[in-house]
N, C-alpha and C. Protein backbone atom coordinates (compact mmCIF):
# COMPACT_ATOMS: atom_id res chain seq x y z
N MET A 1 0.84 -1.20 0.00
CA MET A 1 0.00 0.00 0.00
C MET A 1 0.88 1.26 0.00
N ALA A 2 0.52 2.22 -0.82
CA ALA A 2 1.26 3.47 -0.87
C ALA A 2 0.97 4.29 0.37
N ILE A 3 1.99 5.02 0.83
CA ILE A 3 1.81 5.87 2.01
C ILE A 3 0.66 6.85 1.80
N SER A 4 0.52 7.33 0.57
CA SER A 4 -0.54 8.31 0.29
C SER A 4 -1.94 7.73 0.45
N ASP A 5 -2.04 6.39 0.49
CA ASP A 5 -3.35 5.74 0.63
C ASP A 5 -3.72 5.48 2.09
N LEU A 6 -2.80 5.76 3.01
CA LEU A 6 -3.07 5.55 4.43
C LEU A 6 -3.91 6.71 4.96
N ARG A 7 -5.10 6.42 5.44
CA ARG A 7 -5.97 7.46 5.98
C ARG A 7 -7.04 6.82 6.85
N ARG A 8 -7.62 7.62 7.73
CA ARG A 8 -8.72 7.15 8.55
C ARG A 8 -9.61 8.34 8.90
N GLN A 9 -10.78 8.05 9.39
CA GLN A 9 -11.69 9.10 9.82
C GLN A 9 -11.39 9.47 11.28
N TYR A 10 -11.56 10.73 11.61
CA TYR A 10 -11.46 11.19 12.99
C TYR A 10 -12.89 11.45 13.48
N SER A 11 -13.34 10.61 14.39
CA SER A 11 -14.76 10.70 14.76
C SER A 11 -15.02 10.50 16.25
N LEU A 12 -14.00 10.59 17.07
CA LEU A 12 -14.19 10.35 18.50
C LEU A 12 -15.07 11.41 19.15
N ARG A 13 -14.83 12.67 18.78
CA ARG A 13 -15.57 13.77 19.42
C ARG A 13 -15.36 15.04 18.61
N SER A 14 -15.97 16.13 19.08
CA SER A 14 -15.79 17.44 18.45
C SER A 14 -15.38 18.42 19.54
N LEU A 15 -15.07 19.64 19.14
CA LEU A 15 -14.74 20.71 20.09
C LEU A 15 -15.60 21.91 19.74
N ASP A 16 -16.44 22.31 20.69
CA ASP A 16 -17.39 23.40 20.47
C ASP A 16 -16.97 24.62 21.29
N GLU A 17 -17.40 25.79 20.84
CA GLU A 17 -17.09 27.03 21.55
C GLU A 17 -17.51 26.97 23.02
N SER A 18 -18.58 26.27 23.31
CA SER A 18 -19.07 26.20 24.69
C SER A 18 -18.10 25.49 25.63
N GLU A 19 -17.16 24.72 25.07
CA GLU A 19 -16.21 23.97 25.88
C GLU A 19 -14.96 24.79 26.20
N LEU A 20 -14.80 25.94 25.55
CA LEU A 20 -13.61 26.75 25.75
C LEU A 20 -13.64 27.41 27.12
N THR A 21 -12.46 27.64 27.66
CA THR A 21 -12.30 28.31 28.94
C THR A 21 -11.71 29.70 28.72
N THR A 22 -11.86 30.57 29.70
CA THR A 22 -11.32 31.93 29.56
C THR A 22 -9.80 31.90 29.41
N ASN A 23 -9.16 31.05 30.20
CA ASN A 23 -7.70 30.90 30.15
C ASN A 23 -7.38 29.56 29.50
N PRO A 24 -6.53 29.53 28.47
CA PRO A 24 -6.24 28.26 27.78
C PRO A 24 -5.55 27.23 28.66
N ILE A 25 -4.85 27.66 29.71
CA ILE A 25 -4.18 26.70 30.58
C ILE A 25 -5.21 25.78 31.24
N SER A 26 -6.37 26.32 31.57
CA SER A 26 -7.42 25.51 32.18
C SER A 26 -7.90 24.42 31.23
N LEU A 27 -8.07 24.78 29.97
CA LEU A 27 -8.48 23.79 28.97
C LEU A 27 -7.37 22.78 28.75
N PHE A 28 -6.13 23.25 28.71
CA PHE A 28 -4.99 22.34 28.54
C PHE A 28 -4.95 21.32 29.68
N GLU A 29 -5.12 21.77 30.90
CA GLU A 29 -5.07 20.86 32.05
C GLU A 29 -6.21 19.84 31.98
N ARG A 30 -7.36 20.26 31.48
CA ARG A 30 -8.49 19.34 31.31
C ARG A 30 -8.15 18.27 30.29
N TRP A 31 -7.57 18.70 29.16
CA TRP A 31 -7.20 17.75 28.12
C TRP A 31 -6.09 16.81 28.60
N LEU A 32 -5.11 17.35 29.31
CA LEU A 32 -4.03 16.52 29.83
C LEU A 32 -4.58 15.47 30.78
N ASN A 33 -5.50 15.85 31.62
CA ASN A 33 -6.11 14.91 32.55
C ASN A 33 -6.87 13.82 31.79
N ASP A 34 -7.53 14.19 30.68
CA ASP A 34 -8.22 13.20 29.85
C ASP A 34 -7.23 12.16 29.32
N VAL A 35 -6.07 12.63 28.88
CA VAL A 35 -5.05 11.73 28.31
C VAL A 35 -4.51 10.80 29.40
N ILE A 36 -4.24 11.35 30.58
CA ILE A 36 -3.73 10.54 31.68
C ILE A 36 -4.73 9.47 32.08
N GLU A 37 -6.00 9.85 32.21
CA GLU A 37 -7.04 8.90 32.61
C GLU A 37 -7.27 7.84 31.54
N ALA A 38 -7.02 8.17 30.28
CA ALA A 38 -7.20 7.20 29.20
C ALA A 38 -6.06 6.19 29.14
N GLY A 39 -5.01 6.41 29.91
CA GLY A 39 -3.88 5.49 29.93
C GLY A 39 -2.98 5.58 28.72
N VAL A 40 -2.98 6.72 28.04
CA VAL A 40 -2.12 6.92 26.87
C VAL A 40 -0.66 6.92 27.33
N PRO A 41 0.23 6.16 26.67
CA PRO A 41 1.65 6.14 27.06
C PRO A 41 2.28 7.53 26.97
N ASP A 42 3.13 7.83 27.93
CA ASP A 42 3.86 9.11 27.95
C ASP A 42 2.93 10.30 27.71
N PRO A 43 1.95 10.52 28.54
CA PRO A 43 0.98 11.60 28.31
C PRO A 43 1.60 12.99 28.36
N THR A 44 2.75 13.13 29.03
CA THR A 44 3.37 14.45 29.13
C THR A 44 4.46 14.68 28.07
N ALA A 45 4.63 13.74 27.16
CA ALA A 45 5.63 13.91 26.11
C ALA A 45 5.23 15.04 25.16
N MET A 46 6.19 15.88 24.83
CA MET A 46 5.92 17.00 23.94
C MET A 46 7.13 17.26 23.06
N THR A 47 6.88 17.77 21.88
CA THR A 47 7.96 18.20 21.00
C THR A 47 8.35 19.63 21.35
N VAL A 48 9.66 19.86 21.48
CA VAL A 48 10.17 21.21 21.71
C VAL A 48 10.95 21.62 20.47
N ALA A 49 10.50 22.69 19.82
CA ALA A 49 11.14 23.18 18.61
C ALA A 49 11.88 24.47 18.89
N THR A 50 13.17 24.49 18.53
CA THR A 50 14.01 25.67 18.71
C THR A 50 14.63 26.04 17.37
N VAL A 51 15.25 27.23 17.31
CA VAL A 51 15.86 27.71 16.07
C VAL A 51 17.27 28.20 16.36
N ALA A 52 18.23 27.72 15.58
CA ALA A 52 19.62 28.12 15.74
C ALA A 52 19.87 29.50 15.14
N LYS A 53 21.07 30.03 15.39
CA LYS A 53 21.42 31.36 14.88
C LYS A 53 21.35 31.44 13.37
N ASP A 54 21.64 30.32 12.68
CA ASP A 54 21.60 30.34 11.22
C ASP A 54 20.20 30.12 10.66
N GLY A 55 19.20 30.05 11.55
CA GLY A 55 17.82 29.88 11.11
C GLY A 55 17.36 28.44 10.98
N GLN A 56 18.25 27.48 11.29
CA GLN A 56 17.90 26.07 11.18
C GLN A 56 17.08 25.63 12.40
N PRO A 57 15.83 25.20 12.19
CA PRO A 57 15.03 24.70 13.32
C PRO A 57 15.41 23.26 13.65
N SER A 58 15.18 22.88 14.89
CA SER A 58 15.37 21.50 15.30
C SER A 58 14.32 21.15 16.34
N GLN A 59 14.01 19.85 16.42
CA GLN A 59 12.96 19.39 17.32
C GLN A 59 13.45 18.17 18.09
N ARG A 60 12.86 17.98 19.27
CA ARG A 60 13.13 16.79 20.05
C ARG A 60 11.96 16.59 21.03
N ILE A 61 11.84 15.36 21.55
CA ILE A 61 10.79 15.05 22.50
C ILE A 61 11.34 15.18 23.92
N VAL A 62 10.64 15.91 24.76
CA VAL A 62 10.97 16.00 26.18
C VAL A 62 9.68 15.81 26.98
N LEU A 63 9.81 15.69 28.29
CA LEU A 63 8.64 15.49 29.14
C LEU A 63 8.27 16.77 29.87
N LEU A 64 7.02 17.13 29.80
CA LEU A 64 6.50 18.26 30.57
C LEU A 64 6.55 17.89 32.05
N LYS A 65 7.09 18.79 32.88
CA LYS A 65 7.22 18.49 34.30
C LYS A 65 6.36 19.38 35.18
N ASP A 66 5.80 20.43 34.63
CA ASP A 66 4.89 21.27 35.40
C ASP A 66 4.15 22.18 34.43
N VAL A 67 2.94 22.55 34.80
CA VAL A 67 2.17 23.50 34.00
C VAL A 67 1.29 24.30 34.95
N GLY A 68 1.14 25.56 34.66
CA GLY A 68 0.33 26.43 35.50
C GLY A 68 0.14 27.77 34.82
N PRO A 69 -0.40 28.75 35.53
CA PRO A 69 -0.67 30.06 34.94
C PRO A 69 0.55 30.72 34.31
N GLN A 70 1.75 30.40 34.82
CA GLN A 70 2.96 31.03 34.29
C GLN A 70 3.52 30.32 33.07
N GLY A 71 3.07 29.09 32.81
CA GLY A 71 3.53 28.42 31.62
C GLY A 71 3.88 26.96 31.80
N PHE A 72 4.70 26.45 30.86
CA PHE A 72 5.03 25.03 30.74
C PHE A 72 6.51 24.83 31.09
N VAL A 73 6.79 23.83 31.93
CA VAL A 73 8.15 23.64 32.44
C VAL A 73 8.73 22.30 31.98
N PHE A 74 10.00 22.35 31.54
CA PHE A 74 10.75 21.13 31.28
C PHE A 74 12.19 21.35 31.72
N TYR A 75 12.92 20.24 31.90
CA TYR A 75 14.30 20.31 32.39
C TYR A 75 15.26 19.69 31.39
N THR A 76 16.51 20.16 31.42
CA THR A 76 17.50 19.69 30.46
C THR A 76 18.89 20.05 30.94
N ASN A 77 19.88 19.58 30.22
CA ASN A 77 21.27 20.00 30.44
C ASN A 77 21.44 21.36 29.77
N TYR A 78 21.95 22.34 30.49
CA TYR A 78 22.10 23.68 29.92
C TYR A 78 23.18 23.75 28.83
N GLY A 79 23.91 22.65 28.65
CA GLY A 79 24.88 22.59 27.55
C GLY A 79 24.33 21.89 26.32
N SER A 80 23.10 21.43 26.40
CA SER A 80 22.49 20.72 25.27
C SER A 80 22.21 21.68 24.12
N ARG A 81 21.94 21.10 22.97
CA ARG A 81 21.64 21.92 21.80
C ARG A 81 20.42 22.79 22.02
N LYS A 82 19.36 22.21 22.58
CA LYS A 82 18.13 22.98 22.79
C LYS A 82 18.37 24.15 23.73
N ALA A 83 19.14 23.90 24.80
CA ALA A 83 19.39 24.96 25.78
C ALA A 83 20.25 26.07 25.18
N ARG A 84 21.26 25.69 24.40
CA ARG A 84 22.11 26.70 23.76
C ARG A 84 21.29 27.55 22.80
N GLU A 85 20.41 26.90 22.03
CA GLU A 85 19.61 27.65 21.07
C GLU A 85 18.59 28.54 21.77
N LEU A 86 18.03 28.07 22.88
CA LEU A 86 17.07 28.89 23.62
C LEU A 86 17.75 30.08 24.29
N THR A 87 19.01 29.92 24.66
CA THR A 87 19.76 31.04 25.23
C THR A 87 19.99 32.13 24.18
N GLU A 88 20.24 31.69 22.95
CA GLU A 88 20.46 32.65 21.86
C GLU A 88 19.15 33.21 21.31
N ASN A 89 18.13 32.36 21.28
CA ASN A 89 16.82 32.76 20.75
C ASN A 89 15.75 32.10 21.61
N PRO A 90 15.19 32.82 22.57
CA PRO A 90 14.23 32.21 23.51
C PRO A 90 12.86 31.91 22.94
N LYS A 91 12.61 32.25 21.67
CA LYS A 91 11.33 31.91 21.07
C LYS A 91 11.26 30.41 20.84
N VAL A 92 10.16 29.79 21.25
CA VAL A 92 10.06 28.33 21.23
C VAL A 92 8.64 27.91 20.90
N SER A 93 8.51 26.72 20.36
CA SER A 93 7.19 26.13 20.10
C SER A 93 7.14 24.74 20.71
N LEU A 94 6.01 24.43 21.34
CA LEU A 94 5.76 23.11 21.91
C LEU A 94 4.61 22.45 21.16
N HIS A 95 4.65 21.13 21.11
CA HIS A 95 3.56 20.40 20.45
C HIS A 95 3.26 19.13 21.23
N PHE A 96 1.99 18.96 21.58
CA PHE A 96 1.55 17.76 22.30
C PHE A 96 0.76 16.89 21.33
N PRO A 97 1.31 15.74 20.93
CA PRO A 97 0.69 14.90 19.89
C PRO A 97 -0.17 13.80 20.48
N TRP A 98 -1.34 14.14 20.94
CA TRP A 98 -2.22 13.15 21.57
C TRP A 98 -3.09 12.47 20.52
N PHE A 99 -2.42 11.71 19.63
CA PHE A 99 -3.11 11.12 18.48
C PHE A 99 -4.17 10.10 18.89
N PHE A 100 -3.93 9.37 19.99
CA PHE A 100 -4.90 8.38 20.43
C PHE A 100 -6.23 9.02 20.82
N MET A 101 -6.16 10.30 21.18
CA MET A 101 -7.38 11.04 21.53
C MET A 101 -7.85 11.91 20.37
N GLU A 102 -7.16 11.79 19.23
CA GLU A 102 -7.45 12.63 18.05
C GLU A 102 -7.37 14.10 18.42
N ARG A 103 -6.34 14.43 19.23
CA ARG A 103 -6.16 15.80 19.68
C ARG A 103 -4.69 16.21 19.54
N GLN A 104 -4.50 17.49 19.36
CA GLN A 104 -3.17 18.09 19.38
C GLN A 104 -3.28 19.45 20.08
N VAL A 105 -2.18 19.85 20.71
CA VAL A 105 -2.09 21.20 21.26
C VAL A 105 -0.76 21.78 20.81
N ARG A 106 -0.82 23.00 20.28
CA ARG A 106 0.38 23.71 19.84
C ARG A 106 0.55 24.96 20.68
N VAL A 107 1.77 25.19 21.15
CA VAL A 107 2.07 26.33 22.01
C VAL A 107 3.21 27.14 21.41
N CYS A 108 3.07 28.45 21.35
CA CYS A 108 4.15 29.35 20.98
C CYS A 108 4.41 30.28 22.16
N GLY A 109 5.69 30.47 22.48
CA GLY A 109 5.99 31.30 23.63
C GLY A 109 7.46 31.65 23.73
N THR A 110 7.83 32.11 24.91
CA THR A 110 9.21 32.52 25.19
C THR A 110 9.72 31.72 26.38
N ALA A 111 10.93 31.19 26.24
CA ALA A 111 11.51 30.35 27.29
C ALA A 111 12.39 31.17 28.22
N HIS A 112 12.25 30.93 29.51
CA HIS A 112 13.07 31.58 30.53
C HIS A 112 13.64 30.51 31.45
N LYS A 113 14.90 30.66 31.84
CA LYS A 113 15.51 29.70 32.75
C LYS A 113 14.86 29.77 34.12
N MET A 114 14.74 28.61 34.74
CA MET A 114 14.20 28.52 36.09
C MET A 114 15.26 29.00 37.08
N SER A 115 14.82 29.34 38.28
CA SER A 115 15.76 29.80 39.31
C SER A 115 16.57 28.64 39.87
N VAL A 116 17.67 28.95 40.52
CA VAL A 116 18.52 27.92 41.14
C VAL A 116 17.71 27.13 42.16
N ALA A 117 16.89 27.81 42.94
CA ALA A 117 16.09 27.13 43.95
C ALA A 117 15.09 26.18 43.31
N GLU A 118 14.44 26.61 42.23
CA GLU A 118 13.48 25.75 41.54
C GLU A 118 14.16 24.53 40.95
N ASN A 119 15.35 24.73 40.36
CA ASN A 119 16.11 23.62 39.79
C ASN A 119 16.48 22.61 40.87
N ALA A 120 16.95 23.11 41.99
CA ALA A 120 17.38 22.23 43.08
C ALA A 120 16.20 21.43 43.63
N ARG A 121 15.07 22.09 43.79
CA ARG A 121 13.90 21.43 44.34
C ARG A 121 13.46 20.26 43.46
N TYR A 122 13.45 20.47 42.15
CA TYR A 122 13.06 19.37 41.27
C TYR A 122 14.14 18.30 41.19
N PHE A 123 15.41 18.73 41.07
CA PHE A 123 16.51 17.76 40.94
C PHE A 123 16.52 16.79 42.11
N LEU A 124 16.35 17.30 43.31
CA LEU A 124 16.41 16.47 44.51
C LEU A 124 15.18 15.59 44.67
N SER A 125 14.13 15.86 43.90
CA SER A 125 12.93 15.03 43.95
C SER A 125 13.04 13.83 43.01
N ARG A 126 14.05 13.81 42.15
CA ARG A 126 14.20 12.74 41.17
C ARG A 126 14.80 11.49 41.81
N PRO A 127 14.56 10.31 41.22
CA PRO A 127 15.25 9.11 41.70
C PRO A 127 16.76 9.30 41.62
N LYS A 128 17.48 8.64 42.52
CA LYS A 128 18.93 8.85 42.61
C LYS A 128 19.64 8.51 41.30
N ASP A 129 19.25 7.44 40.66
CA ASP A 129 19.90 7.07 39.40
C ASP A 129 19.65 8.12 38.32
N SER A 130 18.49 8.76 38.33
CA SER A 130 18.21 9.82 37.36
C SER A 130 19.08 11.04 37.64
N GLN A 131 19.32 11.32 38.91
CA GLN A 131 20.22 12.41 39.27
C GLN A 131 21.63 12.13 38.75
N LEU A 132 22.09 10.90 38.96
CA LEU A 132 23.44 10.51 38.52
C LEU A 132 23.55 10.56 37.00
N ALA A 133 22.49 10.12 36.30
CA ALA A 133 22.51 10.13 34.84
C ALA A 133 22.62 11.56 34.31
N ALA A 134 21.95 12.50 34.98
CA ALA A 134 22.02 13.90 34.56
C ALA A 134 23.43 14.45 34.68
N ILE A 135 24.17 13.98 35.68
CA ILE A 135 25.55 14.43 35.87
C ILE A 135 26.49 13.72 34.91
N ALA A 136 26.24 12.43 34.67
CA ALA A 136 27.14 11.64 33.83
C ALA A 136 27.10 12.05 32.37
N SER A 137 25.92 12.48 31.91
CA SER A 137 25.76 12.79 30.49
C SER A 137 25.95 14.28 30.20
N ARG A 138 26.90 14.59 29.35
CA ARG A 138 27.06 15.95 28.83
C ARG A 138 26.23 16.02 27.55
N GLN A 139 24.96 16.22 27.74
CA GLN A 139 23.96 16.06 26.69
C GLN A 139 24.33 16.77 25.39
N SER A 140 24.12 16.07 24.28
CA SER A 140 24.33 16.55 22.91
C SER A 140 25.79 16.53 22.47
N ARG A 141 26.73 16.24 23.38
CA ARG A 141 28.13 16.19 22.99
C ARG A 141 28.49 14.81 22.45
N PRO A 142 29.45 14.73 21.50
CA PRO A 142 29.83 13.43 20.94
C PRO A 142 30.51 12.55 22.00
N ILE A 143 30.34 11.23 21.84
CA ILE A 143 31.02 10.27 22.70
C ILE A 143 31.40 9.08 21.83
N ALA A 144 32.60 8.53 22.06
CA ALA A 144 33.13 7.48 21.19
C ALA A 144 32.31 6.20 21.28
N LYS A 145 31.91 5.81 22.47
CA LYS A 145 31.14 4.58 22.63
C LYS A 145 30.35 4.62 23.93
N ARG A 146 29.30 3.83 23.99
CA ARG A 146 28.40 3.83 25.13
C ARG A 146 29.10 3.40 26.42
N GLU A 147 30.09 2.51 26.28
CA GLU A 147 30.78 2.01 27.46
C GLU A 147 31.40 3.13 28.28
N LEU A 148 31.87 4.18 27.63
CA LEU A 148 32.46 5.31 28.35
C LEU A 148 31.42 6.00 29.23
N LEU A 149 30.22 6.14 28.69
CA LEU A 149 29.13 6.75 29.46
C LEU A 149 28.76 5.88 30.66
N MET A 150 28.68 4.56 30.43
CA MET A 150 28.30 3.65 31.50
C MET A 150 29.37 3.59 32.58
N THR A 151 30.64 3.71 32.18
CA THR A 151 31.73 3.75 33.15
C THR A 151 31.62 4.99 34.02
N GLN A 152 31.35 6.12 33.40
CA GLN A 152 31.18 7.37 34.13
C GLN A 152 30.02 7.26 35.12
N PHE A 153 28.94 6.66 34.67
CA PHE A 153 27.77 6.48 35.52
C PHE A 153 28.10 5.59 36.72
N SER A 154 28.81 4.51 36.48
CA SER A 154 29.18 3.58 37.55
C SER A 154 30.09 4.25 38.57
N GLN A 155 31.04 5.03 38.09
CA GLN A 155 31.96 5.73 38.99
C GLN A 155 31.21 6.72 39.88
N LEU A 156 30.27 7.44 39.28
CA LEU A 156 29.47 8.39 40.06
C LEU A 156 28.60 7.66 41.09
N LYS A 157 28.10 6.50 40.70
CA LYS A 157 27.26 5.73 41.61
C LYS A 157 28.05 5.29 42.84
N GLN A 158 29.30 4.92 42.63
CA GLN A 158 30.16 4.55 43.75
C GLN A 158 30.52 5.77 44.60
N LYS A 159 30.82 6.87 43.92
CA LYS A 159 31.23 8.09 44.61
C LYS A 159 30.13 8.61 45.53
N PHE A 160 28.90 8.53 45.06
CA PHE A 160 27.77 9.07 45.83
C PHE A 160 26.89 7.97 46.40
N ALA A 161 27.51 6.84 46.74
CA ALA A 161 26.75 5.73 47.32
C ALA A 161 26.09 6.14 48.62
N GLN A 162 26.74 7.05 49.32
CA GLN A 162 26.19 7.55 50.58
C GLN A 162 26.04 9.08 50.49
N GLY A 163 24.99 9.60 51.06
CA GLY A 163 24.81 11.04 51.10
C GLY A 163 24.07 11.61 49.90
N GLU A 164 23.83 12.90 49.98
CA GLU A 164 23.08 13.61 48.95
C GLU A 164 23.95 13.97 47.76
N ILE A 165 23.36 13.92 46.57
CA ILE A 165 24.08 14.26 45.34
C ILE A 165 23.95 15.76 45.10
N PRO A 166 25.06 16.47 44.88
CA PRO A 166 24.96 17.92 44.66
C PRO A 166 24.26 18.25 43.34
N VAL A 167 23.50 19.32 43.34
CA VAL A 167 22.79 19.74 42.13
C VAL A 167 23.80 20.33 41.15
N PRO A 168 23.93 19.79 39.95
CA PRO A 168 24.90 20.32 38.98
C PRO A 168 24.49 21.70 38.47
N ASP A 169 25.47 22.58 38.29
CA ASP A 169 25.14 23.93 37.82
C ASP A 169 24.87 23.98 36.32
N PHE A 170 25.15 22.87 35.61
CA PHE A 170 24.92 22.83 34.17
C PHE A 170 23.59 22.18 33.81
N TRP A 171 22.75 21.99 34.79
CA TRP A 171 21.46 21.32 34.58
C TRP A 171 20.35 22.15 35.20
N GLY A 172 19.21 22.22 34.50
CA GLY A 172 18.10 22.99 35.07
C GLY A 172 16.91 23.05 34.13
N GLY A 173 15.97 23.91 34.47
CA GLY A 173 14.73 23.95 33.73
C GLY A 173 14.51 25.23 32.95
N PHE A 174 13.55 25.14 32.04
CA PHE A 174 13.04 26.29 31.31
C PHE A 174 11.53 26.35 31.54
N ARG A 175 11.03 27.55 31.69
CA ARG A 175 9.58 27.76 31.71
C ARG A 175 9.19 28.50 30.44
N VAL A 176 8.28 27.92 29.69
CA VAL A 176 7.80 28.54 28.45
C VAL A 176 6.54 29.34 28.76
N GLU A 177 6.66 30.65 28.67
CA GLU A 177 5.52 31.53 28.88
C GLU A 177 4.81 31.70 27.53
N PRO A 178 3.58 31.20 27.42
CA PRO A 178 2.90 31.19 26.13
C PRO A 178 2.25 32.52 25.77
N HIS A 179 2.22 32.80 24.47
CA HIS A 179 1.43 33.93 23.98
C HIS A 179 0.41 33.46 22.95
N GLN A 180 0.54 32.18 22.55
CA GLN A 180 -0.43 31.60 21.62
C GLN A 180 -0.54 30.10 21.89
N ILE A 181 -1.79 29.62 21.99
CA ILE A 181 -2.04 28.20 22.20
C ILE A 181 -3.19 27.78 21.29
N GLU A 182 -2.97 26.72 20.53
CA GLU A 182 -4.02 26.20 19.65
C GLU A 182 -4.45 24.80 20.10
N PHE A 183 -5.75 24.57 20.11
CA PHE A 183 -6.32 23.27 20.42
C PHE A 183 -6.94 22.70 19.14
N TRP A 184 -6.54 21.49 18.83
CA TRP A 184 -6.97 20.83 17.58
C TRP A 184 -7.69 19.54 17.94
N GLN A 185 -8.92 19.41 17.46
CA GLN A 185 -9.70 18.19 17.66
C GLN A 185 -10.07 17.62 16.29
N GLY A 186 -9.68 16.37 16.05
CA GLY A 186 -9.95 15.77 14.75
C GLY A 186 -11.42 15.67 14.44
N GLY A 187 -11.78 15.89 13.17
CA GLY A 187 -13.17 15.82 12.74
C GLY A 187 -13.32 14.97 11.49
N GLU A 188 -14.51 14.48 11.26
CA GLU A 188 -14.78 13.65 10.09
C GLU A 188 -14.53 14.44 8.80
N ASN A 189 -14.06 13.69 7.79
CA ASN A 189 -13.81 14.26 6.46
C ASN A 189 -12.80 15.42 6.51
N ARG A 190 -11.91 15.36 7.49
CA ARG A 190 -10.85 16.36 7.68
C ARG A 190 -11.40 17.74 8.03
N LEU A 191 -12.64 17.79 8.49
CA LEU A 191 -13.22 19.06 8.93
C LEU A 191 -12.98 19.19 10.43
N HIS A 192 -11.72 19.40 10.78
CA HIS A 192 -11.29 19.44 12.17
C HIS A 192 -11.75 20.72 12.87
N ASP A 193 -11.84 20.63 14.21
CA ASP A 193 -12.12 21.81 15.02
C ASP A 193 -10.81 22.37 15.54
N ARG A 194 -10.57 23.64 15.26
CA ARG A 194 -9.34 24.31 15.71
C ARG A 194 -9.69 25.64 16.34
N PHE A 195 -9.19 25.83 17.56
CA PHE A 195 -9.38 27.10 18.25
C PHE A 195 -8.02 27.62 18.70
N GLU A 196 -7.77 28.89 18.41
CA GLU A 196 -6.49 29.52 18.74
C GLU A 196 -6.70 30.61 19.78
N TYR A 197 -5.94 30.54 20.85
CA TYR A 197 -5.92 31.58 21.88
C TYR A 197 -4.70 32.48 21.63
N ASN A 198 -4.90 33.78 21.67
CA ASN A 198 -3.80 34.74 21.55
C ASN A 198 -3.84 35.70 22.72
N LEU A 199 -2.67 35.95 23.31
CA LEU A 199 -2.56 36.82 24.47
C LEU A 199 -2.37 38.27 24.03
N SER A 200 -3.24 39.15 24.49
CA SER A 200 -3.15 40.56 24.11
C SER A 200 -2.14 41.28 24.99
N GLU A 201 -1.78 42.50 24.61
CA GLU A 201 -0.82 43.29 25.39
C GLU A 201 -1.37 43.61 26.78
N SER A 202 -2.68 43.60 26.92
CA SER A 202 -3.30 43.88 28.22
C SER A 202 -3.34 42.65 29.12
N GLY A 203 -2.88 41.52 28.58
CA GLY A 203 -2.85 40.30 29.38
C GLY A 203 -4.10 39.45 29.30
N GLU A 204 -5.01 39.77 28.36
CA GLU A 204 -6.22 38.99 28.20
C GLU A 204 -6.08 38.03 27.02
N TRP A 205 -6.70 36.86 27.16
CA TRP A 205 -6.69 35.87 26.08
C TRP A 205 -7.90 36.05 25.19
N HIS A 206 -7.66 36.02 23.88
CA HIS A 206 -8.73 36.13 22.90
C HIS A 206 -8.71 34.87 22.03
N THR A 207 -9.88 34.36 21.70
CA THR A 207 -9.97 33.13 20.93
C THR A 207 -10.58 33.37 19.55
N GLN A 208 -10.19 32.50 18.64
CA GLN A 208 -10.79 32.51 17.32
C GLN A 208 -10.79 31.09 16.77
N ARG A 209 -11.83 30.75 16.02
CA ARG A 209 -11.88 29.46 15.34
C ARG A 209 -11.08 29.56 14.06
N LEU A 210 -10.30 28.52 13.78
CA LEU A 210 -9.50 28.47 12.56
C LEU A 210 -10.08 27.45 11.59
N MET A 211 -9.94 27.72 10.30
CA MET A 211 -10.33 26.76 9.29
C MET A 211 -9.42 25.53 9.41
N PRO A 212 -9.97 24.35 9.14
CA PRO A 212 -9.14 23.13 9.25
C PRO A 212 -8.11 23.01 8.14
């Protein structure tokens, strides 16, 4: 079968104006809760898209670790490609691909580094092996073979067998403060429901329906 022949109908549900909330974060949290309750694998997985100085965009999957009125939070190595690009150009786009629910959410915003205290609080809440992995891996940098990484991890595990692991200064979070959020609900015959929230200069959210 040709790839172009692969298609299906989207008919699980629709999205009506009456379901919209004044603040898009409230609707996002409702949708996220729907995905979690449905047992969809990795419900907090999202694509993070950044742009390099030469204009080349890049994307990767990371896990959402917090969401609230101030925005969307994820953590990374500050030496990683995404972190370097966000430092040079803080404009960022997030995408939540909830295909099992025939839903998508797209976010456009500006990324800001989390505070040292916020980074420490989350880092110390992680399992110990995850803390060690964050220290062992210099994310996005080349490595000759996996064994070198595993050796580094083992050495750190022995070194910190007892006591608390110090929070690395090269690791931390970004909070994406949104100015545009789109909710996409699949519809029959590709007549999808799309609503876009845009943040005004006065701090109010305005919505509009988009053509599919």
